[in-house]
Structures are given as C-alpha cells and as structure tokens.
Amino acid sequence: PERGSQFPSYVTPLNLAAQKNQFVIVQLLLQRGETITKPHKFDCLCQECINKNKFDQLRSAKCRLDAYRGL
C-alpha cells in the first residue's frame, strides 16, 4: 500500500466494496457510474501489459487478481 493508505492505489472503492460483500455500497457506486475494468488476459502482449510486467510483475498480478475478485 502507498504511504498513508490502508489499500494500494489500484483498489477502487467499488472493487473493495465488492470484495467485502457490501452490496448496498456496490449498488450505490454502480448507480453513480463506477465500473471495474476487466483485466487483460494473462498472456496479453499489448504494449500496456508488456510495460506493466516489465516494471513490476508482482504488482501487475496483484492488480489483476483484485480486479477479478471485485468482478
């Protein structure tokens, strides 16, 4: 996590509410237009994924896992 935060920056309020089964909060956030972006496939070779994996593979994997947990 970043300094001063309990959660990493890639964990959005919607993602966190979904992971914690806070359905009322999930519904509220969805009504306000929030979304969870579906991660690219594990073997994706787009430039964005190549850069993320080159920079920090562990962070990239954790981000993907958290997104799937939220979905």
C-alpha atoms as a PDB file:
ATOM      1  CA  PRO A   1       0.000   0.000   0.000  1.00  0.00           C
ATOM      2  CA  GLU A   2       1.022   3.573  -0.531  1.00  0.00           C
ATOM      3  CA  ARG A   3       2.163   5.640   2.408  1.00  0.00           C
ATOM      4  CA  GLY A   4      -0.827   6.859   4.410  1.00  0.00           C
ATOM      5  CA  SER A   5      -3.256   4.421   2.808  1.00  0.00           C
ATOM      6  CA  GLN A   6      -4.501   1.065   4.016  1.00  0.00           C
ATOM      7  CA  PHE A   7      -5.024  -0.171   0.435  1.00  0.00           C
ATOM      8  CA  PRO A   8      -2.982   0.018  -2.783  1.00  0.00           C
ATOM      9  CA  SER A   9      -3.990   2.724  -5.272  1.00  0.00           C
ATOM     10  CA  TYR A  10      -5.377   0.206  -7.769  1.00  0.00           C
ATOM     11  CA  VAL A  11      -8.044  -0.983  -5.287  1.00  0.00           C
ATOM     12  CA  THR A  12     -11.012   1.225  -6.098  1.00  0.00           C
ATOM     13  CA  PRO A  13     -13.920   1.822  -3.700  1.00  0.00           C
ATOM     14  CA  LEU A  14     -16.164  -0.322  -5.937  1.00  0.00           C
ATOM     15  CA  ASN A  15     -13.641  -3.137  -6.019  1.00  0.00           C
ATOM     16  CA  LEU A  16     -13.226  -3.036  -2.255  1.00  0.00           C
ATOM     17  CA  ALA A  17     -16.973  -2.927  -1.592  1.00  0.00           C
ATOM     18  CA  ALA A  18     -17.498  -5.914  -3.910  1.00  0.00           C
ATOM     19  CA  GLN A  19     -14.728  -7.903  -2.211  1.00  0.00           C
ATOM     20  CA  LYS A  20     -16.204  -7.139   1.220  1.00  0.00           C
ATOM     21  CA  ASN A  21     -19.758  -8.091   0.122  1.00  0.00           C
ATOM     22  CA  GLN A  22     -21.077  -4.594   0.808  1.00  0.00           C
ATOM     23  CA  PHE A  23     -23.921  -4.896  -1.682  1.00  0.00           C
ATOM     24  CA  VAL A  24     -25.648  -1.619  -0.782  1.00  0.00           C
ATOM     25  CA  ILE A  25     -22.413   0.306  -1.363  1.00  0.00           C
ATOM     26  CA  VAL A  26     -21.777  -1.625  -4.604  1.00  0.00           C
ATOM     27  CA  GLN A  27     -25.245  -0.709  -5.840  1.00  0.00           C
ATOM     28  CA  LEU A  28     -24.751   2.951  -4.914  1.00  0.00           C
ATOM     29  CA  LEU A  29     -21.386   3.128  -6.680  1.00  0.00           C
ATOM     30  CA  LEU A  30     -22.769   1.388  -9.789  1.00  0.00           C
ATOM     31  CA  GLN A  31     -25.672   3.854  -9.894  1.00  0.00           C
ATOM     32  CA  ARG A  32     -23.110   6.664  -9.862  1.00  0.00           C
ATOM     33  CA  GLY A  33     -21.356   5.187 -12.895  1.00  0.00           C
ATOM     34  CA  GLU A  34     -18.417   3.422 -11.271  1.00  0.00           C
ATOM     35  CA  THR A  35     -17.096   0.305 -13.009  1.00  0.00           C
ATOM     36  CA  ILE A  36     -14.457  -2.365 -12.549  1.00  0.00           C
ATOM     37  CA  THR A  37     -12.371  -2.717 -15.664  1.00  0.00           C
ATOM     38  CA  LYS A  38     -11.925  -6.317 -16.731  1.00  0.00           C
ATOM     39  CA  PRO A  39      -8.200  -7.139 -16.768  1.00  0.00           C
ATOM     40  CA  HIS A  40      -6.446  -8.214 -19.932  1.00  0.00           C
ATOM     41  CA  LYS A  41      -5.736 -11.920 -20.353  1.00  0.00           C
ATOM     42  CA  PHE A  42      -2.693 -13.291 -18.569  1.00  0.00           C
ATOM     43  CA  ASP A  43      -0.793 -13.806 -21.809  1.00  0.00           C
ATOM     44  CA  CYS A  44      -1.781 -10.446 -23.344  1.00  0.00           C
ATOM     45  CA  LEU A  45       1.020  -8.921 -25.383  1.00  0.00           C
ATOM     46  CA  CYS A  46      -0.320  -5.389 -25.768  1.00  0.00           C
ATOM     47  CA  GLN A  47       2.149  -2.595 -25.008  1.00  0.00           C
ATOM     48  CA  GLU A  48       0.377  -1.667 -21.772  1.00  0.00           C
ATOM     49  CA  CYS A  49       0.684  -5.204 -20.387  1.00  0.00           C
ATOM     50  CA  ILE A  50       4.285  -5.552 -21.539  1.00  0.00           C
ATOM     51  CA  ASN A  51       5.177  -2.288 -19.766  1.00  0.00           C
ATOM     52  CA  LYS A  52       3.336  -3.258 -16.568  1.00  0.00           C
ATOM     53  CA  ASN A  53       5.020  -6.652 -16.416  1.00  0.00           C
ATOM     54  CA  LYS A  54       8.423  -5.191 -17.195  1.00  0.00           C
ATOM     55  CA  PHE A  55       8.064  -2.580 -14.445  1.00  0.00           C
ATOM     56  CA  ASP A  56       6.599  -4.721 -11.640  1.00  0.00           C
ATOM     57  CA  GLN A  57       5.245  -8.211 -12.334  1.00  0.00           C
ATOM     58  CA  LEU A  58       4.041  -8.806  -8.777  1.00  0.00           C
ATOM     59  CA  ARG A  59       2.063  -5.553  -8.627  1.00  0.00           C
ATOM     60  CA  SER A  60       0.571  -6.298 -12.040  1.00  0.00           C
ATOM     61  CA  ALA A  61      -0.521  -9.773 -10.922  1.00  0.00           C
ATOM     62  CA  LYS A  62      -1.988  -8.460  -7.650  1.00  0.00           C
ATOM     63  CA  CYS A  63      -3.886  -5.780  -9.544  1.00  0.00           C
ATOM     64  CA  ARG A  64      -5.356  -8.387 -11.926  1.00  0.00           C
ATOM     65  CA  LEU A  65      -6.351 -10.662  -9.024  1.00  0.00           C
ATOM     66  CA  ASP A  66      -8.047  -7.851  -7.129  1.00  0.00           C
ATOM     67  CA  ALA A  67      -9.979  -6.844 -10.249  1.00  0.00           C
ATOM     68  CA  TYR A  68     -11.225 -10.413 -10.728  1.00  0.00           C
ATOM     69  CA  ARG A  69     -12.173 -10.619  -7.033  1.00  0.00           C
ATOM     70  CA  GLY A  70     -14.249  -7.489  -7.452  1.00  0.00           C
ATOM     71  CA  LEU A  71     -15.905  -8.742 -10.606  1.00  0.00           C
END
